[in-house]
């Protein structure tokens, strides 16, 4: 069964993850959530598994450009709404392995999960 890699095509971290998967001949599909969006159910699943604080990319420029009112009193529901409205705020990549997901790219984590 092929895995699904979620992210944004132009992101440097995404390029590293895709190169690693290709180099290790891992079969995967790519879902560009900036181009085609993301569904609420996926975000809720990822937040339940990892915590919304991990899934929300607060280091990115999209989040940093929000006004203070949008950043105030963040909770899971508000974070999911922000990520639905602007998928660039989702940490990337997210690799869906079927029974679980990996958020972010670390070669050691990919190697361990795909061994």
PDB file of N, CA and C in Angstrom:
ATOM      1  N   UNK A   1       0.846  -1.187   0.000  1.00  0.00           N
ATOM      2  CA  UNK A   1       0.000   0.000   0.000  1.00  0.00           C
ATOM      3  C   UNK A   1       0.888   1.245   0.000  1.00  0.00           C
ATOM      4  N   UNK A   2       0.660   2.137  -0.936  1.00  0.00           N
ATOM      5  CA  UNK A   2       1.472   3.360  -0.927  1.00  0.00           C
ATOM      6  C   UNK A   2       1.054   4.279   0.224  1.00  0.00           C
ATOM      7  N   UNK A   3       2.019   5.003   0.711  1.00  0.00           N
ATOM      8  CA  UNK A   3       1.778   5.979   1.756  1.00  0.00           C
ATOM      9  C   UNK A   3       1.397   7.302   1.104  1.00  0.00           C
ATOM     10  N   UNK A   4       0.938   8.260   1.918  1.00  0.00           N
ATOM     11  CA  UNK A   4       0.629   9.592   1.407  1.00  0.00           C
ATOM     12  C   UNK A   4       1.490  10.601   2.140  1.00  0.00           C
ATOM     13  N   UNK A   5       2.168  11.439   1.362  1.00  0.00           N
ATOM     14  CA  UNK A   5       2.982  12.519   1.906  1.00  0.00           C
ATOM     15  C   UNK A   5       2.217  13.818   1.686  1.00  0.00           C
ATOM     16  N   UNK A   6       1.908  14.503   2.777  1.00  0.00           N
ATOM     17  CA  UNK A   6       1.172  15.761   2.722  1.00  0.00           C
ATOM     18  C   UNK A   6       2.136  16.913   2.927  1.00  0.00           C
ATOM     19  N   UNK A   7       1.943  17.974   2.157  1.00  0.00           N
ATOM     20  CA  UNK A   7       2.775  19.147   2.329  1.00  0.00           C
ATOM     21  C   UNK A   7       2.599  20.134   1.201  1.00  0.00           C
ATOM     22  N   UNK A   8       3.642  20.926   0.990  1.00  0.00           N
ATOM     23  CA  UNK A   8       3.659  21.972  -0.031  1.00  0.00           C
ATOM     24  C   UNK A   8       4.853  21.709  -0.938  1.00  0.00           C
ATOM     25  N   UNK A   9       4.604  21.726  -2.223  1.00  0.00           N
ATOM     26  CA  UNK A   9       5.618  21.336  -3.208  1.00  0.00           C
ATOM     27  C   UNK A   9       6.931  22.111  -3.077  1.00  0.00           C
ATOM     28  N   UNK A  10       6.875  23.422  -2.875  1.00  0.00           N
ATOM     29  CA  UNK A  10       8.077  24.253  -2.918  1.00  0.00           C
ATOM     30  C   UNK A  10       8.872  24.285  -1.620  1.00  0.00           C
ATOM     31  N   UNK A  11       8.368  23.685  -0.567  1.00  0.00           N
ATOM     32  CA  UNK A  11       9.019  23.718   0.751  1.00  0.00           C
ATOM     33  C   UNK A  11      10.326  22.920   0.728  1.00  0.00           C
ATOM     34  N   UNK A  12      11.394  23.493   1.284  1.00  0.00           N
ATOM     35  CA  UNK A  12      12.700  22.817   1.319  1.00  0.00           C
ATOM     36  C   UNK A  12      12.659  21.518   2.118  1.00  0.00           C
ATOM     37  N   UNK A  13      11.954  21.527   3.239  1.00  0.00           N
ATOM     38  CA  UNK A  13      11.857  20.306   4.042  1.00  0.00           C
ATOM     39  C   UNK A  13      11.105  19.226   3.273  1.00  0.00           C
ATOM     40  N   UNK A  14      10.103  19.626   2.526  1.00  0.00           N
ATOM     41  CA  UNK A  14       9.360  18.678   1.694  1.00  0.00           C
ATOM     42  C   UNK A  14      10.288  18.055   0.648  1.00  0.00           C
ATOM     43  N   UNK A  15      11.116  18.879   0.050  1.00  0.00           N
ATOM     44  CA  UNK A  15      12.049  18.376  -0.964  1.00  0.00           C
ATOM     45  C   UNK A  15      12.988  17.338  -0.360  1.00  0.00           C
ATOM     46  N   UNK A  16      13.451  17.580   0.869  1.00  0.00           N
ATOM     47  CA  UNK A  16      14.329  16.618   1.543  1.00  0.00           C
ATOM     48  C   UNK A  16      13.581  15.312   1.819  1.00  0.00           C
ATOM     49  N   UNK A  17      12.342  15.420   2.291  1.00  0.00           N
ATOM     50  CA  UNK A  17      11.548  14.217   2.590  1.00  0.00           C
ATOM     51  C   UNK A  17      11.274  13.421   1.315  1.00  0.00           C
ATOM     52  N   UNK A  18      10.905  14.117   0.249  1.00  0.00           N
ATOM     53  CA  UNK A  18      10.628  13.424  -1.017  1.00  0.00           C
ATOM     54  C   UNK A  18      11.898  12.762  -1.558  1.00  0.00           C
ATOM     55  N   UNK A  19      13.022  13.443  -1.463  1.00  0.00           N
ATOM     56  CA  UNK A  19      14.285  12.872  -1.930  1.00  0.00           C
ATOM     57  C   UNK A  19      14.627  11.623  -1.114  1.00  0.00           C
ATOM     58  N   UNK A  20      14.416  11.681   0.211  1.00  0.00           N
ATOM     59  CA  UNK A  20      14.701  10.524   1.064  1.00  0.00           C
ATOM     60  C   UNK A  20      13.809   9.348   0.672  1.00  0.00           C
ATOM     61  N   UNK A  21      12.506   9.605   0.510  1.00  0.00           N
ATOM     62  CA  UNK A  21      11.571   8.536   0.139  1.00  0.00           C
ATOM     63  C   UNK A  21      11.937   7.944  -1.220  1.00  0.00           C
ATOM     64  N   UNK A  22      12.275   8.810  -2.171  1.00  0.00           N
ATOM     65  CA  UNK A  22      12.655   8.323  -3.512  1.00  0.00           C
ATOM     66  C   UNK A  22      13.945   7.492  -3.445  1.00  0.00           C
ATOM     67  N   UNK A  23      14.914   7.986  -2.703  1.00  0.00           N
ATOM     68  CA  UNK A  23      16.198   7.292  -2.573  1.00  0.00           C
ATOM     69  C   UNK A  23      16.021   5.906  -1.951  1.00  0.00           C
ATOM     70  N   UNK A  24      15.066   5.802  -1.032  1.00  0.00           N
ATOM     71  CA  UNK A  24      14.818   4.521  -0.349  1.00  0.00           C
ATOM     72  C   UNK A  24      13.703   3.716  -1.020  1.00  0.00           C
ATOM     73  N   UNK A  25      13.321   4.148  -2.207  1.00  0.00           N
ATOM     74  CA  UNK A  25      12.322   3.453  -3.031  1.00  0.00           C
ATOM     75  C   UNK A  25      11.027   3.161  -2.286  1.00  0.00           C
ATOM     76  N   UNK A  26      10.551   4.175  -1.557  1.00  0.00           N
ATOM     77  CA  UNK A  26       9.278   4.061  -0.839  1.00  0.00           C
ATOM     78  C   UNK A  26       8.171   4.544  -1.767  1.00  0.00           C
ATOM     79  N   UNK A  27       7.151   3.733  -1.927  1.00  0.00           N
ATOM     80  CA  UNK A  27       6.004   4.070  -2.775  1.00  0.00           C
ATOM     81  C   UNK A  27       5.091   5.024  -1.997  1.00  0.00           C
ATOM     82  N   UNK A  28       4.863   6.217  -2.554  1.00  0.00           N
ATOM     83  CA  UNK A  28       4.008   7.185  -1.871  1.00  0.00           C
ATOM     84  C   UNK A  28       3.316   8.073  -2.893  1.00  0.00           C
ATOM     85  N   UNK A  29       2.182   8.601  -2.479  1.00  0.00           N
ATOM     86  CA  UNK A  29       1.484   9.624  -3.253  1.00  0.00           C
ATOM     87  C   UNK A  29       1.722  10.957  -2.579  1.00  0.00           C
ATOM     88  N   UNK A  30       1.639  12.035  -3.338  1.00  0.00           N
ATOM     89  CA  UNK A  30       1.869  13.365  -2.785  1.00  0.00           C
ATOM     90  C   UNK A  30       0.580  14.170  -2.817  1.00  0.00           C
ATOM     91  N   UNK A  31       0.224  14.754  -1.672  1.00  0.00           N
ATOM     92  CA  UNK A  31      -0.955  15.604  -1.547  1.00  0.00           C
ATOM     93  C   UNK A  31      -0.482  17.007  -1.196  1.00  0.00           C
ATOM     94  N   UNK A  32      -0.594  17.928  -2.139  1.00  0.00           N
ATOM     95  CA  UNK A  32      -0.186  19.321  -1.930  1.00  0.00           C
ATOM     96  C   UNK A  32      -1.352  20.063  -1.298  1.00  0.00           C
ATOM     97  N   UNK A  33      -1.296  20.263   0.016  1.00  0.00           N
ATOM     98  CA  UNK A  33      -2.443  20.876   0.673  1.00  0.00           C
ATOM     99  C   UNK A  33      -2.518  22.376   0.477  1.00  0.00           C
ATOM    100  N   UNK A  34      -1.522  22.959  -0.110  1.00  0.00           N
ATOM    101  CA  UNK A  34      -1.656  24.371  -0.486  1.00  0.00           C
ATOM    102  C   UNK A  34      -2.447  24.475  -1.794  1.00  0.00           C
ATOM    103  N   UNK A  35      -2.244  23.533  -2.692  1.00  0.00           N
ATOM    104  CA  UNK A  35      -2.928  23.553  -3.990  1.00  0.00           C
ATOM    105  C   UNK A  35      -4.348  22.988  -3.912  1.00  0.00           C
ATOM    106  N   UNK A  36      -4.535  21.884  -3.173  1.00  0.00           N
ATOM    107  CA  UNK A  36      -5.848  21.221  -3.169  1.00  0.00           C
ATOM    108  C   UNK A  36      -6.540  21.253  -1.814  1.00  0.00           C
ATOM    109  N   UNK A  37      -5.918  21.866  -0.816  1.00  0.00           N
ATOM    110  CA  UNK A  37      -6.543  21.978   0.488  1.00  0.00           C
ATOM    111  C   UNK A  37      -6.387  20.719   1.325  1.00  0.00           C
ATOM    112  N   UNK A  38      -7.011  20.766   2.474  1.00  0.00           N
ATOM    113  CA  UNK A  38      -6.980  19.649   3.415  1.00  0.00           C
ATOM    114  C   UNK A  38      -8.344  19.576   4.077  1.00  0.00           C
ATOM    115  N   UNK A  39      -8.755  18.383   4.429  1.00  0.00           N
ATOM    116  CA  UNK A  39     -10.066  18.232   5.046  1.00  0.00           C
ATOM    117  C   UNK A  39      -9.961  18.284   6.569  1.00  0.00           C
ATOM    118  N   UNK A  40     -11.042  18.683   7.182  1.00  0.00           N
ATOM    119  CA  UNK A  40     -11.111  18.815   8.637  1.00  0.00           C
ATOM    120  C   UNK A  40     -10.790  17.483   9.338  1.00  0.00           C
ATOM    121  N   UNK A  41     -11.307  16.386   8.790  1.00  0.00           N
ATOM    122  CA  UNK A  41     -11.103  15.080   9.426  1.00  0.00           C
ATOM    123  C   UNK A  41      -9.618  14.734   9.534  1.00  0.00           C
ATOM    124  N   UNK A  42      -8.841  15.023   8.488  1.00  0.00           N
ATOM    125  CA  UNK A  42      -7.399  14.749   8.544  1.00  0.00           C
ATOM    126  C   UNK A  42      -6.734  15.591   9.615  1.00  0.00           C
ATOM    127  N   UNK A  43      -7.059  16.872   9.663  1.00  0.00           N
ATOM    128  CA  UNK A  43      -6.465  17.742  10.681  1.00  0.00           C
ATOM    129  C   UNK A  43      -6.837  17.281  12.085  1.00  0.00           C
ATOM    130  N   UNK A  44      -8.082  16.904  12.276  1.00  0.00           N
ATOM    131  CA  UNK A  44      -8.517  16.431  13.596  1.00  0.00           C
ATOM    132  C   UNK A  44      -7.772  15.156  13.990  1.00  0.00           C
ATOM    133  N   UNK A  45      -7.590  14.261  13.018  1.00  0.00           N
ATOM    134  CA  UNK A  45      -6.867  13.013  13.286  1.00  0.00           C
ATOM    135  C   UNK A  45      -5.418  13.304  13.668  1.00  0.00           C
ATOM    136  N   UNK A  46      -4.760  14.186  12.903  1.00  0.00           N
ATOM    137  CA  UNK A  46      -3.366  14.520  13.188  1.00  0.00           C
ATOM    138  C   UNK A  46      -3.231  15.199  14.552  1.00  0.00           C
ATOM    139  N   UNK A  47      -4.166  16.102  14.864  1.00  0.00           N
ATOM    140  CA  UNK A  47      -4.120  16.792  16.155  1.00  0.00           C
ATOM    141  C   UNK A  47      -4.366  15.821  17.305  1.00  0.00           C
ATOM    142  N   UNK A  48      -5.255  14.847  17.109  1.00  0.00           N
ATOM    143  CA  UNK A  48      -5.509  13.845  18.145  1.00  0.00           C
ATOM    144  C   UNK A  48      -4.271  12.989  18.374  1.00  0.00           C
ATOM    145  N   UNK A  49      -3.559  12.692  17.305  1.00  0.00           N
ATOM    146  CA  UNK A  49      -2.377  11.829  17.406  1.00  0.00           C
ATOM    147  C   UNK A  49      -1.158  12.559  17.963  1.00  0.00           C
ATOM    148  N   UNK A  50      -0.954  13.800  17.528  1.00  0.00           N
ATOM    149  CA  UNK A  50       0.285  14.515  17.854  1.00  0.00           C
ATOM    150  C   UNK A  50       0.102  15.742  18.734  1.00  0.00           C
ATOM    151  N   UNK A  51      -1.142  16.213  18.881  1.00  0.00           N
ATOM    152  CA  UNK A  51      -1.398  17.477  19.573  1.00  0.00           C
ATOM    153  C   UNK A  51      -1.390  18.621  18.575  1.00  0.00           C
ATOM    154  N   UNK A  52      -2.321  19.541  18.721  1.00  0.00           N
ATOM    155  CA  UNK A  52      -2.418  20.645  17.754  1.00  0.00           C
ATOM    156  C   UNK A  52      -1.170  21.523  17.782  1.00  0.00           C
ATOM    157  N   UNK A  53      -0.492  21.567  18.928  1.00  0.00           N
ATOM    158  CA  UNK A  53       0.714  22.390  19.037  1.00  0.00           C
ATOM    159  C   UNK A  53       1.814  21.881  18.110  1.00  0.00           C
ATOM    160  N   UNK A  54       1.836  20.587  17.845  1.00  0.00           N
ATOM    161  CA  UNK A  54       2.819  20.005  16.932  1.00  0.00           C
ATOM    162  C   UNK A  54       2.411  20.220  15.480  1.00  0.00           C
ATOM    163  N   UNK A  55       1.131  20.108  15.196  1.00  0.00           N
ATOM    164  CA  UNK A  55       0.635  20.189  13.815  1.00  0.00           C
ATOM    165  C   UNK A  55       0.638  21.628  13.297  1.00  0.00           C
ATOM    166  N   UNK A  56       0.372  22.585  14.157  1.00  0.00           N
ATOM    167  CA  UNK A  56       0.361  23.998  13.757  1.00  0.00           C
ATOM    168  C   UNK A  56       1.790  24.514  13.659  1.00  0.00           C
ATOM    169  N   UNK A  57       2.154  25.012  12.491  1.00  0.00           N
ATOM    170  CA  UNK A  57       3.501  25.531  12.246  1.00  0.00           C
ATOM    171  C   UNK A  57       3.559  27.004  12.653  1.00  0.00           C
ATOM    172  N   UNK A  58       3.935  27.246  13.891  1.00  0.00           N
ATOM    173  CA  UNK A  58       4.017  28.627  14.383  1.00  0.00           C
ATOM    174  C   UNK A  58       5.298  29.329  13.934  1.00  0.00           C
ATOM    175  N   UNK A  59       6.273  28.579  13.432  1.00  0.00           N
ATOM    176  CA  UNK A  59       7.545  29.170  13.016  1.00  0.00           C
ATOM    177  C   UNK A  59       7.468  29.773  11.617  1.00  0.00           C
ATOM    178  N   UNK A  60       6.456  29.402  10.849  1.00  0.00           N
ATOM    179  CA  UNK A  60       6.362  29.858   9.469  1.00  0.00           C
ATOM    180  C   UNK A  60       5.880  31.291   9.339  1.00  0.00           C
ATOM    181  N   UNK A  61       6.155  31.881   8.192  1.00  0.00           N
ATOM    182  CA  UNK A  61       5.772  33.280   7.964  1.00  0.00           C
ATOM    183  C   UNK A  61       4.263  33.474   7.938  1.00  0.00           C
ATOM    184  N   UNK A  62       3.514  32.487   7.475  1.00  0.00           N
ATOM    185  CA  UNK A  62       2.062  32.631   7.417  1.00  0.00           C
ATOM    186  C   UNK A  62       1.497  32.848   8.812  1.00  0.00           C
ATOM    187  N   UNK A  63       1.951  32.071   9.777  1.00  0.00           N
ATOM    188  CA  UNK A  63       1.477  32.237  11.153  1.00  0.00           C
ATOM    189  C   UNK A  63       1.988  33.545  11.738  1.00  0.00           C
ATOM    190  N   UNK A  64       3.240  33.847  11.525  1.00  0.00           N
ATOM    191  CA  UNK A  64       3.827  35.057  12.117  1.00  0.00           C
ATOM    192  C   UNK A  64       3.168  36.328  11.599  1.00  0.00           C
ATOM    193  N   UNK A  65       2.594  36.278  10.384  1.00  0.00           N
ATOM    194  CA  UNK A  65       1.945  37.453   9.810  1.00  0.00           C
ATOM    195  C   UNK A  65       0.535  37.677  10.346  1.00  0.00           C
ATOM    196  N   UNK A  66      -0.014  36.705  11.078  1.00  0.00           N
ATOM    197  CA  UNK A  66      -1.342  36.887  11.657  1.00  0.00           C
ATOM    198  C   UNK A  66      -1.320  38.036  12.667  1.00  0.00           C
ATOM    199  N   UNK A  67      -2.453  38.708  12.814  1.00  0.00           N
ATOM    200  CA  UNK A  67      -2.498  39.752  13.831  1.00  0.00           C
ATOM    201  C   UNK A  67      -2.629  39.091  15.208  1.00  0.00           C
ATOM    202  N   UNK A  68      -2.336  39.871  16.238  1.00  0.00           N
ATOM    203  CA  UNK A  68      -2.300  39.326  17.592  1.00  0.00           C
ATOM    204  C   UNK A  68      -3.641  38.729  18.015  1.00  0.00           C
ATOM    205  N   UNK A  69      -4.741  39.293  17.538  1.00  0.00           N
ATOM    206  CA  UNK A  69      -6.058  38.773  17.909  1.00  0.00           C
ATOM    207  C   UNK A  69      -6.246  37.342  17.389  1.00  0.00           C
ATOM    208  N   UNK A  70      -5.726  37.067  16.202  1.00  0.00           N
ATOM    209  CA  UNK A  70      -5.854  35.721  15.640  1.00  0.00           C
ATOM    210  C   UNK A  70      -4.967  34.718  16.382  1.00  0.00           C
ATOM    211  N   UNK A  71      -3.857  35.198  16.932  1.00  0.00           N
ATOM    212  CA  UNK A  71      -2.931  34.318  17.647  1.00  0.00           C
ATOM    213  C   UNK A  71      -3.336  34.119  19.111  1.00  0.00           C
ATOM    214  N   UNK A  72      -4.189  35.001  19.617  1.00  0.00           N
ATOM    215  CA  UNK A  72      -4.552  34.966  21.038  1.00  0.00           C
ATOM    216  C   UNK A  72      -5.471  33.788  21.349  1.00  0.00           C
ATOM    217  N   UNK A  73      -5.331  33.270  22.559  1.00  0.00           N
ATOM    218  CA  UNK A  73      -6.210  32.218  23.078  1.00  0.00           C
ATOM    219  C   UNK A  73      -6.333  31.025  22.143  1.00  0.00           C
ATOM    220  N   UNK A  74      -5.217  30.590  21.608  1.00  0.00           N
ATOM    221  CA  UNK A  74      -5.256  29.442  20.709  1.00  0.00           C
ATOM    222  C   UNK A  74      -5.616  28.168  21.458  1.00  0.00           C
ATOM    223  N   UNK A  75      -6.485  27.402  20.853  1.00  0.00           N
ATOM    224  CA  UNK A  75      -6.796  26.060  21.324  1.00  0.00           C
ATOM    225  C   UNK A  75      -6.929  25.189  20.083  1.00  0.00           C
ATOM    226  N   UNK A  76      -7.240  23.928  20.254  1.00  0.00           N
ATOM    227  CA  UNK A  76      -7.284  23.020  19.115  1.00  0.00           C
ATOM    228  C   UNK A  76      -8.303  23.459  18.065  1.00  0.00           C
ATOM    229  N   UNK A  77      -9.488  23.839  18.496  1.00  0.00           N
ATOM    230  CA  UNK A  77     -10.536  24.233  17.542  1.00  0.00           C
ATOM    231  C   UNK A  77     -10.104  25.451  16.718  1.00  0.00           C
ATOM    232  N   UNK A  78      -9.541  26.435  17.384  1.00  0.00           N
ATOM    233  CA  UNK A  78      -9.098  27.649  16.688  1.00  0.00           C
ATOM    234  C   UNK A  78      -7.918  27.330  15.755  1.00  0.00           C
ATOM    235  N   UNK A  79      -7.012  26.489  16.213  1.00  0.00           N
ATOM    236  CA  UNK A  79      -5.858  26.110  15.390  1.00  0.00           C
ATOM    237  C   UNK A  79      -6.320  25.378  14.130  1.00  0.00           C
ATOM    238  N   UNK A  80      -7.280  24.481  14.266  1.00  0.00           N
ATOM    239  CA  UNK A  80      -7.793  23.757  13.103  1.00  0.00           C
ATOM    240  C   UNK A  80      -8.442  24.724  12.116  1.00  0.00           C
ATOM    241  N   UNK A  81      -9.201  25.674  12.603  1.00  0.00           N
ATOM    242  CA  UNK A  81      -9.815  26.672  11.707  1.00  0.00           C
ATOM    243  C   UNK A  81      -8.741  27.470  10.966  1.00  0.00           C
ATOM    244  N   UNK A  82      -7.692  27.862  11.666  1.00  0.00           N
ATOM    245  CA  UNK A  82      -6.597  28.600  11.014  1.00  0.00           C
ATOM    246  C   UNK A  82      -5.936  27.744   9.932  1.00  0.00           C
ATOM    247  N   UNK A  83      -5.693  26.466  10.235  1.00  0.00           N
ATOM    248  CA  UNK A  83      -5.032  25.588   9.268  1.00  0.00           C
ATOM    249  C   UNK A  83      -5.936  25.269   8.080  1.00  0.00           C
ATOM    250  N   UNK A  84      -7.240  25.174   8.304  1.00  0.00           N
ATOM    251  CA  UNK A  84      -8.168  24.965   7.186  1.00  0.00           C
ATOM    252  C   UNK A  84      -8.177  26.183   6.272  1.00  0.00           C
ATOM    253  N   UNK A  85      -8.169  27.370   6.877  1.00  0.00           N
ATOM    254  CA  UNK A  85      -8.207  28.609   6.098  1.00  0.00           C
ATOM    255  C   UNK A  85      -6.898  28.854   5.355  1.00  0.00           C
ATOM    256  N   UNK A  86      -5.778  28.477   5.992  1.00  0.00           N
ATOM    257  CA  UNK A  86      -4.462  28.713   5.397  1.00  0.00           C
ATOM    258  C   UNK A  86      -3.585  27.481   5.628  1.00  0.00           C
ATOM    259  N   UNK A  87      -3.671  26.513   4.729  1.00  0.00           N
ATOM    260  CA  UNK A  87      -2.933  25.261   4.908  1.00  0.00           C
ATOM    261  C   UNK A  87      -1.418  25.425   5.048  1.00  0.00           C
ATOM    262  N   UNK A  88      -0.879  26.569   4.660  1.00  0.00           N
ATOM    263  CA  UNK A  88       0.558  26.802   4.848  1.00  0.00           C
ATOM    264  C   UNK A  88       0.935  26.773   6.316  1.00  0.00           C
ATOM    265  N   UNK A  89      -0.047  26.884   7.209  1.00  0.00           N
ATOM    266  CA  UNK A  89       0.226  26.854   8.645  1.00  0.00           C
ATOM    267  C   UNK A  89       0.338  25.438   9.197  1.00  0.00           C
ATOM    268  N   UNK A  90       0.166  24.427   8.340  1.00  0.00           N
ATOM    269  CA  UNK A  90       0.309  23.052   8.796  1.00  0.00           C
ATOM    270  C   UNK A  90       1.788  22.678   8.725  1.00  0.00           C
ATOM    271  N   UNK A  91       2.294  22.127   9.821  1.00  0.00           N
ATOM    272  CA  UNK A  91       3.689  21.652   9.839  1.00  0.00           C
ATOM    273  C   UNK A  91       3.862  20.629   8.720  1.00  0.00           C
ATOM    274  N   UNK A  92       5.012  20.640   8.118  1.00  0.00           N
ATOM    275  CA  UNK A  92       5.237  19.714   7.016  1.00  0.00           C
ATOM    276  C   UNK A  92       6.620  19.098   7.111  1.00  0.00           C
ATOM    277  N   UNK A  93       6.686  17.949   6.490  1.00  0.00           N
ATOM    278  CA  UNK A  93       5.622  17.144   5.882  1.00  0.00           C
ATOM    279  C   UNK A  93       4.853  16.337   6.924  1.00  0.00           C
ATOM    280  N   UNK A  94       3.711  15.817   6.486  1.00  0.00           N
ATOM    281  CA  UNK A  94       2.983  14.814   7.255  1.00  0.00           C
ATOM    282  C   UNK A  94       2.990  13.562   6.382  1.00  0.00           C
ATOM    283  N   UNK A  95       3.558  12.491   6.909  1.00  0.00           N
ATOM    284  CA  UNK A  95       3.604  11.230   6.184  1.00  0.00           C
ATOM    285  C   UNK A  95       2.588  10.281   6.810  1.00  0.00           C
ATOM    286  N   UNK A  96       1.568   9.941   6.033  1.00  0.00           N
ATOM    287  CA  UNK A  96       0.519   9.035   6.498  1.00  0.00           C
ATOM    288  C   UNK A  96       0.932   7.604   6.177  1.00  0.00           C
ATOM    289  N   UNK A  97       1.156   6.826   7.228  1.00  0.00           N
ATOM    290  CA  UNK A  97       1.587   5.441   7.084  1.00  0.00           C
ATOM    291  C   UNK A  97       0.411   4.472   7.145  1.00  0.00           C
ATOM    292  N   UNK A  98      -0.796   5.006   7.237  1.00  0.00           N
ATOM    293  CA  UNK A  98      -1.984   4.164   7.329  1.00  0.00           C
ATOM    294  C   UNK A  98      -2.469   4.026   8.751  1.00  0.00           C
ATOM    295  N   UNK A  99      -1.633   3.452   9.616  1.00  0.00           N
ATOM    296  CA  UNK A  99      -2.027   3.264  11.010  1.00  0.00           C
ATOM    297  C   UNK A  99      -1.542   4.390  11.914  1.00  0.00           C
ATOM    298  N   UNK A 100      -0.669   5.242  11.385  1.00  0.00           N
ATOM    299  CA  UNK A 100      -0.160   6.393  12.140  1.00  0.00           C
ATOM    300  C   UNK A 100       0.482   7.373  11.170  1.00  0.00           C
ATOM    301  N   UNK A 101       0.857   8.527  11.695  1.00  0.00           N
ATOM    302  CA  UNK A 101       1.487   9.545  10.866  1.00  0.00           C
ATOM    303  C   UNK A 101       2.783  10.015  11.520  1.00  0.00           C
ATOM    304  N   UNK A 102       3.653  10.558  10.674  1.00  0.00           N
ATOM    305  CA  UNK A 102       4.861  11.237  11.134  1.00  0.00           C
ATOM    306  C   UNK A 102       4.712  12.701  10.751  1.00  0.00           C
ATOM    307  N   UNK A 103       5.017  13.608  11.678  1.00  0.00           N
ATOM    308  CA  UNK A 103       4.938  15.042  11.393  1.00  0.00           C
ATOM    309  C   UNK A 103       6.349  15.603  11.435  1.00  0.00           C
ATOM    310  N   UNK A 104       6.719  16.311  10.374  1.00  0.00           N
ATOM    311  CA  UNK A 104       8.075  16.829  10.255  1.00  0.00           C
ATOM    312  C   UNK A 104       8.953  15.775   9.584  1.00  0.00           C
ATOM    313  N   UNK A 105      10.161  16.163   9.233  1.00  0.00           N
ATOM    314  CA  UNK A 105      11.064  15.218   8.575  1.00  0.00           C
ATOM    315  C   UNK A 105      12.370  15.098   9.339  1.00  0.00           C
ATOM    316  N   UNK A 106      12.626  13.880   9.791  1.00  0.00           N
ATOM    317  CA  UNK A 106      13.917  13.512  10.368  1.00  0.00           C
ATOM    318  C   UNK A 106      14.253  12.162   9.751  1.00  0.00           C
ATOM    319  N   UNK A 107      15.370  12.076   9.041  1.00  0.00           N
ATOM    320  CA  UNK A 107      15.717  10.818   8.375  1.00  0.00           C
ATOM    321  C   UNK A 107      15.679   9.604   9.302  1.00  0.00           C
ATOM    322  N   UNK A 108      16.150   9.757  10.538  1.00  0.00           N
ATOM    323  CA  UNK A 108      16.158   8.626  11.471  1.00  0.00           C
ATOM    324  C   UNK A 108      14.743   8.141  11.779  1.00  0.00           C
ATOM    325  N   UNK A 109      13.811   9.095  11.926  1.00  0.00           N
ATOM    326  CA  UNK A 109      12.424   8.715  12.209  1.00  0.00           C
ATOM    327  C   UNK A 109      11.798   7.992  11.012  1.00  0.00           C
ATOM    328  N   UNK A 110      12.085   8.468   9.820  1.00  0.00           N
ATOM    329  CA  UNK A 110      11.564   7.819   8.614  1.00  0.00           C
ATOM    330  C   UNK A 110      12.147   6.418   8.501  1.00  0.00           C
ATOM    331  N   UNK A 111      13.446   6.287   8.736  1.00  0.00           N
ATOM    332  CA  UNK A 111      14.095   4.972   8.622  1.00  0.00           C
ATOM    333  C   UNK A 111      13.496   3.982   9.618  1.00  0.00           C
ATOM    334  N   UNK A 112      13.281   4.427  10.845  1.00  0.00           N
ATOM    335  CA  UNK A 112      12.728   3.551  11.869  1.00  0.00           C
ATOM    336  C   UNK A 112      11.294   3.153  11.538  1.00  0.00           C
ATOM    337  N   UNK A 113      10.496   4.106  11.081  1.00  0.00           N
ATOM    338  CA  UNK A 113       9.081   3.835  10.799  1.00  0.00           C
ATOM    339  C   UNK A 113       8.897   2.946   9.562  1.00  0.00           C
ATOM    340  N   UNK A 114       9.811   3.048   8.621  1.00  0.00           N
ATOM    341  CA  UNK A 114       9.662   2.339   7.353  1.00  0.00           C
ATOM    342  C   UNK A 114      10.555   1.091   7.255  1.00  0.00           C
ATOM    343  N   UNK A 115      11.196   0.731   8.368  1.00  0.00           N
ATOM    344  CA  UNK A 115      12.094  -0.443   8.373  1.00  0.00           C
ATOM    345  C   UNK A 115      11.317  -1.733   8.150  1.00  0.00           C
TER     346      UNK A 115
END
